[in-house]
């Protein structure tokens, strides 16, 4: 699992952003095979201000447990958010209450190891449905801990205790490894041959553990790897990317990218970089 986590690092639409309203923090070594990052507000804030009226949320192939804590109203709420294959715009909060956000971002293959249930319905559900223990033991504790780093400290210890390695499915992991190794362009029949599974078996495994079909997940992997290349590769070239990721031509690549990102590649890079420079100016 750690090998897979090292070779596949999905990112958001603004992976360079890090300020008091949003930051990402790496998990401890014991959780790195399972947790992409923890994220949220560094400490409770009011009058949240963002450069964008809305935030772009793209398919990152991850699953999140999201806690919204309102200290003014003395209440908190938690949700489990599965893989979403569609991008969307989320509204920026203008609430004047003192609030905090804290979230756990799981890799696609690992959320099942901490849950009481499976993800066949691929729908948002309550923290209690995800894990009774998380609802009763961790959620109330987070309300009393204002700083993000302290929330992470207690959450890591909870997750290490809750990790159920008996739910690890090596056929699933082998399939994902093959998809990532082939830049998300491998045919499902090839994935089946590599993982020694039938297409029906693979379909059931992905639906149960991840919530989407193997074909959908592989397509999302290709998009994520492409987006990472666009933003971070110093020698990125669109024609090389067409060949690397198995697109018919440049127009096909751009069309597929916009379907997942709501923007052209150039617009997406400008959006990510503008948030980065806005953060640096704070």
Protein backbone atom coordinates (compact mmCIF):
# COMPACT_ATOMS: atom_id res chain seq x y z
CA UNK A 1 0.00 0.00 0.00
CA UNK A 2 2.82 2.41 0.78
CA UNK A 3 4.29 1.83 -2.69
CA UNK A 4 0.96 2.76 -4.24
CA UNK A 5 0.65 5.87 -2.07
CA UNK A 6 4.13 7.00 -3.12
CA UNK A 7 3.50 6.56 -6.84
CA UNK A 8 0.00 8.05 -6.91
CA UNK A 9 -0.50 11.48 -5.28
CA UNK A 10 -3.87 12.94 -6.35
CA UNK A 11 -4.29 16.69 -6.03
CA UNK A 12 -7.06 19.28 -5.81
CA UNK A 13 -7.76 22.21 -8.14
CA UNK A 14 -5.60 24.44 -5.88
CA UNK A 15 -2.91 22.17 -4.43
CA UNK A 16 -0.54 25.09 -3.80
CA UNK A 17 -2.89 26.93 -1.49
CA UNK A 18 -1.92 27.08 2.19
CA UNK A 19 -3.25 29.82 4.47
CA UNK A 20 -5.35 30.22 7.60
CA UNK A 21 -8.52 29.22 5.73
CA UNK A 22 -7.11 26.03 4.20
CA UNK A 23 -4.00 23.92 4.56
CA UNK A 24 -3.02 20.30 4.06
CA UNK A 25 -0.87 18.33 6.49
CA UNK A 26 0.79 14.98 5.86
CA UNK A 27 -0.18 12.07 8.14
CA UNK A 28 2.26 10.23 10.37
CA UNK A 29 4.35 7.42 8.87
CA UNK A 30 2.00 4.70 10.10
CA UNK A 31 -0.92 6.22 8.21
CA UNK A 32 0.80 7.31 4.98
CA UNK A 33 -0.34 4.21 3.06
CA UNK A 34 -3.96 5.07 3.85
CA UNK A 35 -4.35 8.83 4.35
CA UNK A 36 -3.54 11.30 1.56
CA UNK A 37 -3.62 14.22 4.00
CA UNK A 38 -5.50 15.98 6.74
CA UNK A 39 -6.90 19.38 5.79
CA UNK A 40 -8.88 22.29 7.15
CA UNK A 41 -8.63 25.65 8.88
CA UNK A 42 -5.57 26.09 11.08
CA UNK A 43 -7.74 27.37 13.94
CA UNK A 44 -11.32 28.66 14.36
CA UNK A 45 -12.02 31.67 12.12
CA UNK A 46 -14.80 34.17 11.46
CA UNK A 47 -15.62 36.28 8.40
CA UNK A 48 -13.94 33.84 6.04
CA UNK A 49 -12.70 35.66 2.95
CA UNK A 50 -11.61 34.02 -0.28
CA UNK A 51 -10.37 35.40 -3.57
CA UNK A 52 -12.94 33.22 -5.34
CA UNK A 53 -16.69 33.52 -4.76
CA UNK A 54 -16.79 29.76 -5.26
CA UNK A 55 -14.25 27.01 -4.86
CA UNK A 56 -13.69 24.53 -7.65
CA UNK A 57 -13.95 20.92 -6.46
CA UNK A 58 -12.51 18.40 -8.92
CA UNK A 59 -12.53 14.59 -8.90
CA UNK A 60 -9.43 13.70 -6.87
CA UNK A 61 -10.22 9.96 -6.50
CA UNK A 62 -10.17 10.40 -2.72
CA UNK A 63 -12.82 10.03 -0.03
CA UNK A 64 -13.20 12.56 2.77
CA UNK A 65 -14.57 12.63 6.27
CA UNK A 66 -15.51 16.27 6.80
CA UNK A 67 -16.24 17.92 10.14
CA UNK A 68 -17.91 21.33 10.27
CA UNK A 69 -17.63 22.87 13.73
CA UNK A 70 -19.53 26.02 14.76
CA UNK A 71 -18.22 27.32 18.07
CA UNK A 72 -20.63 30.25 18.19
CA UNK A 73 -23.70 28.05 17.84
CA UNK A 74 -22.08 25.32 19.94
CA UNK A 75 -22.70 22.58 17.38
CA UNK A 76 -20.80 20.29 15.04
CA UNK A 77 -21.64 18.06 12.11
CA UNK A 78 -19.75 15.40 10.22
CA UNK A 79 -20.20 13.83 6.80
CA UNK A 80 -18.56 11.12 4.77
CA UNK A 81 -18.00 12.12 1.13
CA UNK A 82 -17.26 9.29 -1.33
CA UNK A 83 -15.56 9.53 -4.71
CA UNK A 84 -17.23 12.07 -6.97
CA UNK A 85 -16.53 11.68 -10.66
CA UNK A 86 -18.03 15.08 -11.50
CA UNK A 87 -16.52 18.53 -10.81
CA UNK A 88 -18.58 21.22 -9.12
CA UNK A 89 -18.40 24.68 -7.63
CA UNK A 90 -18.83 24.96 -3.86
CA UNK A 91 -19.87 28.24 -2.28
CA UNK A 92 -17.43 30.01 0.01
CA UNK A 93 -18.84 30.54 3.49
CA UNK A 94 -19.55 34.14 4.50
CA UNK A 95 -20.70 33.11 7.96
CA UNK A 96 -19.70 35.53 10.72
CA UNK A 97 -19.82 32.76 13.35
CA UNK A 98 -16.60 31.35 14.76
CA UNK A 99 -16.13 28.13 12.80
CA UNK A 100 -13.58 25.49 11.93
CA UNK A 101 -13.27 22.84 9.25
CA UNK A 102 -11.37 19.60 9.72
CA UNK A 103 -11.17 16.72 7.27
CA UNK A 104 -9.50 13.38 6.67
CA UNK A 105 -8.72 12.65 3.03
CA UNK A 106 -8.44 8.91 2.38
CA UNK A 107 -6.96 7.26 -0.67
CA UNK A 108 -9.63 5.49 -2.71
CA UNK A 109 -8.43 2.06 -1.62
CA UNK A 110 -8.20 2.74 2.11
CA UNK A 111 -11.41 4.36 3.45
CA UNK A 112 -13.06 0.93 3.65
CA UNK A 113 -10.41 -0.14 6.19
CA UNK A 114 -11.76 2.35 8.74
CA UNK A 115 -15.48 1.99 8.04
CA UNK A 116 -18.23 -0.23 9.38
CA UNK A 117 -19.84 -0.45 5.93
CA UNK A 118 -19.13 -0.71 2.20
CA UNK A 119 -19.50 1.98 -0.48
CA UNK A 120 -21.75 0.30 -3.05
CA UNK A 121 -24.25 3.19 -2.96
CA UNK A 122 -21.47 5.76 -3.52
CA UNK A 123 -23.43 8.46 -1.72
CA UNK A 124 -22.77 11.00 1.02
CA UNK A 125 -23.77 9.71 4.42
CA UNK A 126 -23.40 10.58 8.09
CA UNK A 127 -20.35 9.99 10.26
CA UNK A 128 -22.41 7.57 12.32
CA UNK A 129 -23.08 5.43 9.24
CA UNK A 130 -19.38 5.43 8.38
CA UNK A 131 -18.30 4.42 11.89
CA UNK A 132 -20.20 4.33 15.17
CA UNK A 133 -16.94 4.68 17.10
CA UNK A 134 -15.88 7.71 15.10
CA UNK A 135 -19.20 9.35 15.93
CA UNK A 136 -19.13 8.54 19.63
CA UNK A 137 -15.41 8.71 20.46
CA UNK A 138 -13.74 11.15 18.06
CA UNK A 139 -16.30 13.70 16.86
CA UNK A 140 -17.11 15.18 20.33
CA UNK A 141 -13.41 15.35 21.16
CA UNK A 142 -12.67 17.46 18.07
CA UNK A 143 -15.09 20.15 19.25
CA UNK A 144 -12.94 20.82 22.32
CA UNK A 145 -9.66 21.04 20.37
CA UNK A 146 -9.28 24.35 18.49
CA UNK A 147 -5.93 23.93 16.70
CA UNK A 148 -5.66 21.82 13.54
CA UNK A 149 -2.39 20.18 14.59
CA UNK A 150 -3.95 19.03 17.86
CA UNK A 151 -7.01 17.66 16.07
CA UNK A 152 -4.67 15.65 13.87
CA UNK A 153 -2.74 14.32 16.88
CA UNK A 154 -5.81 12.73 18.43
CA UNK A 155 -7.33 11.68 15.09
CA UNK A 156 -4.20 9.76 14.10
CA UNK A 157 -4.28 7.76 17.30
CA UNK A 158 -7.94 6.99 16.79
CA UNK A 159 -7.39 5.87 13.18
CA UNK A 160 -4.43 3.64 14.05
CA UNK A 161 -6.62 1.83 16.58
CA UNK A 162 -9.51 1.53 14.08
CA UNK A 163 -7.46 0.28 11.11
CA UNK A 164 -8.85 -3.08 10.00
CA UNK A 165 -6.25 -4.75 7.80
CA UNK A 166 -8.49 -7.79 7.39
CA UNK A 167 -10.47 -5.76 4.85
CA UNK A 168 -7.47 -5.24 2.57
CA UNK A 169 -8.15 -6.78 -0.84
CA UNK A 170 -4.97 -7.51 -2.78
CA UNK A 171 -6.78 -8.08 -6.06
CA UNK A 172 -8.16 -4.55 -5.80
CA UNK A 173 -4.72 -3.12 -4.94
CA UNK A 174 -3.06 -4.96 -7.81
CA UNK A 175 -5.69 -3.60 -10.19
CA UNK A 176 -5.18 -0.02 -9.04
CA UNK A 177 -1.40 -0.45 -9.24
CA UNK A 178 -1.72 -1.58 -12.86
CA UNK A 179 -4.02 1.33 -13.71
CA UNK A 180 -1.63 3.87 -12.19
CA UNK A 181 1.44 2.23 -13.77
CA UNK A 182 -0.24 2.53 -17.18
CA UNK A 183 -1.35 6.14 -16.67
CA UNK A 184 -5.02 5.17 -16.54
CA UNK A 185 -5.06 4.11 -20.18
CA UNK A 186 -5.05 0.32 -19.79
CA UNK A 187 -8.04 -1.65 -21.03
CA UNK A 188 -10.12 -3.32 -18.32
CA UNK A 189 -9.39 -6.71 -19.91
CA UNK A 190 -5.68 -6.01 -19.36
CA UNK A 191 -6.31 -5.02 -15.74
CA UNK A 192 -8.21 -8.29 -15.26
CA UNK A 193 -5.35 -10.32 -16.71
CA UNK A 194 -2.84 -8.59 -14.45
CA UNK A 195 -4.90 -9.05 -11.29
CA UNK A 196 -6.19 -12.55 -12.20
CA UNK A 197 -9.82 -11.52 -11.87
CA UNK A 198 -12.84 -11.68 -14.16
CA UNK A 199 -14.52 -8.46 -15.28
CA UNK A 200 -17.56 -9.25 -13.12
CA UNK A 201 -15.38 -9.88 -10.09
CA UNK A 202 -13.46 -6.67 -10.66
CA UNK A 203 -16.70 -4.72 -11.08
CA UNK A 204 -17.98 -6.05 -7.74
CA UNK A 205 -14.69 -5.31 -5.96
CA UNK A 206 -14.55 -1.71 -7.14
CA UNK A 207 -18.21 -1.05 -6.37
CA UNK A 208 -17.92 -2.55 -2.88
CA UNK A 209 -14.62 -0.92 -1.88
CA UNK A 210 -14.58 2.31 -3.89
CA UNK A 211 -18.11 2.95 -5.12
CA UNK A 212 -17.39 3.38 -8.84
CA UNK A 213 -16.69 0.98 -11.71
CA UNK A 214 -13.13 0.01 -12.71
CA UNK A 215 -13.57 1.89 -16.00
CA UNK A 216 -14.65 5.08 -14.23
CA UNK A 217 -11.85 4.86 -11.70
CA UNK A 218 -9.22 4.27 -14.37
CA UNK A 219 -10.50 7.31 -16.27
CA UNK A 220 -10.23 9.43 -13.12
CA UNK A 221 -6.69 8.17 -12.54
CA UNK A 222 -5.73 9.27 -16.05
CA UNK A 223 -7.23 12.71 -15.47
CA UNK A 224 -5.46 13.11 -12.12
CA UNK A 225 -2.07 12.07 -13.46
CA UNK A 226 -2.52 14.42 -16.42
CA UNK A 227 -3.47 17.33 -14.14
CA UNK A 228 -0.43 16.70 -11.95
CA UNK A 229 1.82 16.66 -15.01
CA UNK A 230 0.31 19.93 -16.29
CA UNK A 231 0.91 21.74 -13.02
CA UNK A 232 4.18 20.29 -11.78
CA UNK A 233 6.14 18.84 -14.72
CA UNK A 234 8.79 21.28 -15.92
CA UNK A 235 8.92 19.65 -19.37
CA UNK A 236 5.17 19.16 -19.90
CA UNK A 237 4.20 19.13 -23.56
CA UNK A 238 0.63 18.61 -24.70
CA UNK A 239 1.60 16.49 -27.72
CA UNK A 240 3.70 14.22 -25.52
CA UNK A 241 0.76 14.01 -23.10
CA UNK A 242 -1.56 12.94 -25.92
CA UNK A 243 0.70 9.95 -26.53
CA UNK A 244 1.46 9.22 -22.87
CA UNK A 245 -2.18 9.16 -21.79
CA UNK A 246 -3.63 7.52 -24.88
CA UNK A 247 -5.71 10.34 -26.32
CA UNK A 248 -6.63 10.47 -30.00
CA UNK A 249 -5.34 14.01 -30.43
CA UNK A 250 -4.93 17.33 -28.61
CA UNK A 251 -8.61 18.21 -28.94
CA UNK A 252 -9.58 14.90 -27.34
CA UNK A 253 -7.27 15.58 -24.38
CA UNK A 254 -8.61 19.10 -23.83
CA UNK A 255 -12.24 17.95 -24.12
CA UNK A 256 -11.71 15.15 -21.61
CA UNK A 257 -9.86 17.46 -19.22
CA UNK A 258 -12.60 20.12 -19.32
CA UNK A 259 -15.20 17.46 -18.54
CA UNK A 260 -13.39 16.76 -15.26
CA UNK A 261 -12.13 20.27 -14.48
CA UNK A 262 -14.73 22.73 -15.91
CA UNK A 263 -11.81 24.69 -17.37
CA UNK A 264 -9.28 24.44 -20.16
CA UNK A 265 -5.76 23.38 -19.10
CA UNK A 266 -4.52 26.98 -19.33
CA UNK A 267 -7.42 28.29 -17.25
CA UNK A 268 -6.90 25.52 -14.69
CA UNK A 269 -3.22 26.36 -14.26
CA UNK A 270 -3.98 30.08 -13.93
CA UNK A 271 -6.67 29.30 -11.34
CA UNK A 272 -4.27 27.17 -9.29
CA UNK A 273 -1.43 29.68 -9.53
CA UNK A 274 -3.61 32.70 -8.70
CA UNK A 275 -4.63 31.06 -5.44
CA UNK A 276 -0.96 30.33 -4.74
CA UNK A 277 0.10 33.96 -5.29
CA UNK A 278 -2.90 35.20 -3.32
CA UNK A 279 -1.76 33.00 -0.43
CA UNK A 280 1.82 34.29 -0.66
CA UNK A 281 0.59 37.89 -0.39
CA UNK A 282 -1.19 37.30 2.94
